[in-house]
Protein backbone atom coordinates (compact mmCIF):
# COMPACT_ATOMS: atom_id res chain seq x y z
CA MET A 1 28.98 6.78 -33.50
CA GLY A 2 27.44 3.72 -31.86
CA SER A 3 26.57 3.54 -28.22
CA VAL A 4 27.23 0.73 -25.80
CA ARG A 5 24.25 -1.55 -25.28
CA ARG A 6 23.84 -2.06 -21.57
CA ASP A 7 21.22 -4.80 -21.92
CA VAL A 8 23.86 -7.16 -23.40
CA ALA A 9 26.33 -6.76 -20.55
CA ARG A 10 26.47 -9.76 -18.24
CA PRO A 11 27.08 -9.03 -14.57
CA ASP A 12 28.38 -12.57 -13.95
CA ALA A 13 30.75 -12.79 -16.93
CA GLY A 14 34.32 -13.53 -15.96
CA LEU A 15 33.40 -14.78 -12.51
CA GLY A 16 34.86 -18.03 -11.32
CA ALA A 17 33.44 -20.56 -8.90
CA GLY A 18 31.77 -18.92 -5.96
CA GLY A 19 31.31 -15.63 -7.82
CA THR A 20 34.91 -14.45 -7.38
CA PRO A 21 36.51 -12.58 -10.29
CA ILE A 22 38.52 -14.99 -12.43
CA TYR A 23 41.61 -12.75 -12.57
CA GLY A 24 41.51 -12.34 -8.81
CA GLN A 25 42.94 -15.86 -8.70
CA GLN A 26 46.67 -16.09 -9.32
CA LEU A 27 46.53 -19.20 -11.53
CA ALA A 28 44.19 -17.45 -13.96
CA TRP A 29 47.04 -15.15 -15.01
CA ILE A 30 48.99 -18.05 -16.52
CA VAL A 31 46.97 -17.99 -19.76
CA PRO A 32 47.45 -14.25 -20.50
CA LEU A 33 51.16 -14.62 -19.70
CA VAL A 34 51.41 -17.56 -22.11
CA PHE A 35 49.69 -15.40 -24.73
CA VAL A 36 52.13 -12.52 -24.29
CA ALA A 37 55.14 -14.85 -24.30
CA ALA A 38 53.93 -16.74 -27.38
CA LEU A 39 53.21 -13.49 -29.20
CA ALA A 40 56.72 -12.23 -28.39
CA VAL A 41 58.30 -15.49 -29.54
CA THR A 42 56.25 -15.39 -32.74
CA GLY A 43 57.46 -11.89 -33.57
CA TRP A 44 61.05 -12.72 -32.66
CA ALA A 45 61.00 -15.92 -34.74
CA LEU A 46 59.50 -14.16 -37.75
CA LEU A 47 62.09 -11.40 -37.61
CA ARG A 48 64.91 -13.88 -37.17
CA GLY A 49 63.69 -15.87 -40.15
CA THR A 50 65.87 -18.97 -39.84
CA SER A 51 63.33 -21.68 -39.03
CA ASP A 52 59.83 -22.39 -40.26
CA ARG A 53 58.74 -24.44 -37.26
CA LEU A 54 59.20 -21.96 -34.42
CA PRO A 55 56.86 -19.25 -35.80
CA ILE A 56 54.18 -21.86 -36.53
CA VAL A 57 54.40 -23.42 -33.06
CA ALA A 58 54.51 -20.02 -31.35
CA SER A 59 51.54 -18.70 -33.32
CA SER A 60 49.64 -21.90 -32.49
CA PHE A 61 50.24 -21.24 -28.79
CA THR A 62 49.13 -17.63 -29.33
CA ILE A 63 45.82 -18.74 -30.88
CA ALA A 64 45.26 -21.40 -28.19
CA ALA A 65 45.91 -18.84 -25.45
CA LEU A 66 43.44 -16.39 -27.03
CA ILE A 67 40.77 -19.09 -27.09
CA ALA A 68 41.55 -19.92 -23.45
CA ILE A 69 41.27 -16.24 -22.50
CA LEU A 70 37.86 -16.13 -24.18
CA GLY A 71 36.83 -19.23 -22.24
CA GLN A 72 37.97 -17.63 -18.99
CA ALA A 73 36.00 -14.49 -19.77
CA LEU A 74 32.80 -16.42 -20.54
CA TYR A 75 33.08 -18.96 -17.71
CA PRO A 76 30.78 -20.59 -16.55
CA ALA A 77 28.68 -20.00 -19.67
CA LEU A 78 29.92 -21.79 -22.78
CA VAL A 79 27.29 -20.14 -24.98
CA PRO A 80 25.95 -17.03 -23.26
CA ASP A 81 22.41 -15.76 -23.62
CA ARG A 82 21.40 -12.12 -23.30
CA THR A 83 19.26 -12.76 -20.25
CA ALA A 84 21.56 -15.36 -18.61
CA SER A 85 18.52 -17.57 -18.01
CA ALA A 86 19.09 -19.81 -21.04
CA ASP A 87 22.88 -20.03 -20.97
CA ILE A 88 24.57 -23.24 -21.93
CA THR A 89 26.90 -23.67 -18.99
CA VAL A 90 29.52 -26.27 -18.21
CA ALA A 91 27.03 -28.15 -16.04
CA THR A 92 24.15 -28.09 -18.53
CA ALA A 93 26.35 -29.11 -21.46
CA ALA A 94 27.71 -32.24 -19.75
CA SER A 95 26.68 -35.56 -21.24
CA SER A 96 25.68 -38.72 -19.42
CA ASP A 97 28.29 -41.19 -18.22
CA LEU A 98 27.26 -43.67 -20.93
CA ALA A 99 27.70 -41.11 -23.71
CA LEU A 100 31.10 -40.07 -22.37
CA THR A 101 32.23 -43.71 -22.12
CA VAL A 102 31.14 -44.46 -25.69
CA MET A 103 32.91 -41.35 -26.98
CA LEU A 104 36.08 -42.33 -25.08
CA ILE A 105 36.07 -45.76 -26.75
CA ILE A 106 35.54 -44.17 -30.17
CA VAL A 107 38.39 -41.73 -29.58
CA LEU A 108 40.74 -44.45 -28.31
CA ILE A 109 40.11 -46.48 -31.47
CA GLY A 110 39.79 -43.66 -34.01
CA MET A 111 42.56 -41.30 -32.95
CA PRO A 112 45.44 -43.76 -33.55
CA LEU A 113 43.98 -44.47 -36.99
CA VAL A 114 43.88 -40.75 -37.82
CA VAL A 115 47.45 -40.23 -36.55
CA ALA A 116 48.72 -43.26 -38.50
CA TYR A 117 47.00 -42.09 -41.69
CA THR A 118 48.36 -38.56 -41.26
CA ALA A 119 51.89 -39.90 -40.74
CA PHE A 120 51.57 -42.14 -43.81
CA VAL A 121 50.35 -39.31 -46.02
CA TYR A 122 53.00 -36.93 -44.68
CA ARG A 123 55.78 -39.42 -45.45
CA ARG A 124 54.32 -40.19 -48.87
CA PHE A 125 54.17 -36.54 -49.93
CA SER A 126 57.10 -35.09 -47.95
CA HIS A 127 59.66 -35.30 -50.76
CA LYS A 128 60.17 -32.37 -53.04
CA VAL A 129 58.83 -32.66 -56.55
CA THR A 130 61.55 -32.62 -59.15
CA ASP A 131 61.36 -32.38 -62.90
CA SER A 132 62.31 -35.78 -64.27
CA GLY A 133 62.66 -34.47 -67.80
CA SER A 134 59.40 -36.00 -69.06
CA GLN A 135 57.17 -33.98 -71.30
CA SER A 136 53.97 -32.70 -69.80
CA ALA A 137 50.65 -32.62 -71.60
CA TYR A 138 50.49 -28.91 -70.83
CA GLY A 139 53.57 -27.92 -72.72
C-alpha cells in the first residue's frame, strides 16, 4: 500500500481571494451543483433513450463543470509547483495589453470563419448516404 506524500500537499490550495476557503463562499457551490444536475440529466437522458442531443449536451456540461471544479480547487495557481514558489498563477500568466488586443482582433476575425466553415461542412455532409445502385470497385 502507498502512503500519502505530505510534501506535495499545498496549504493554500482551494483558497480564494484573501485566503478564505473557496467553498466557504456561497457562489462557489454553483459549479458542484451544476455538475450533479448535469450528471443526473445525463443518466436520465441515457436511460430514456429517445433523443441523441440531450445526453451529449448534458455530458458536455458535466465535463465543463468538472474542469471548473478543478480550477476552483487549484485557484489561484493555474499550474501548481510542489514548493508553491514557482507557481504559474492567474496574475503571472496574464499577458500584456498589446498581446491581449492582438489576440482579440485575431479571434474576432478568425472565429466567424471557423464557424462558417463548420456550418458549411456540416450541411454538406449531413445527409445520409444511400446506395444509388452503382457498382463499387470493392465488390
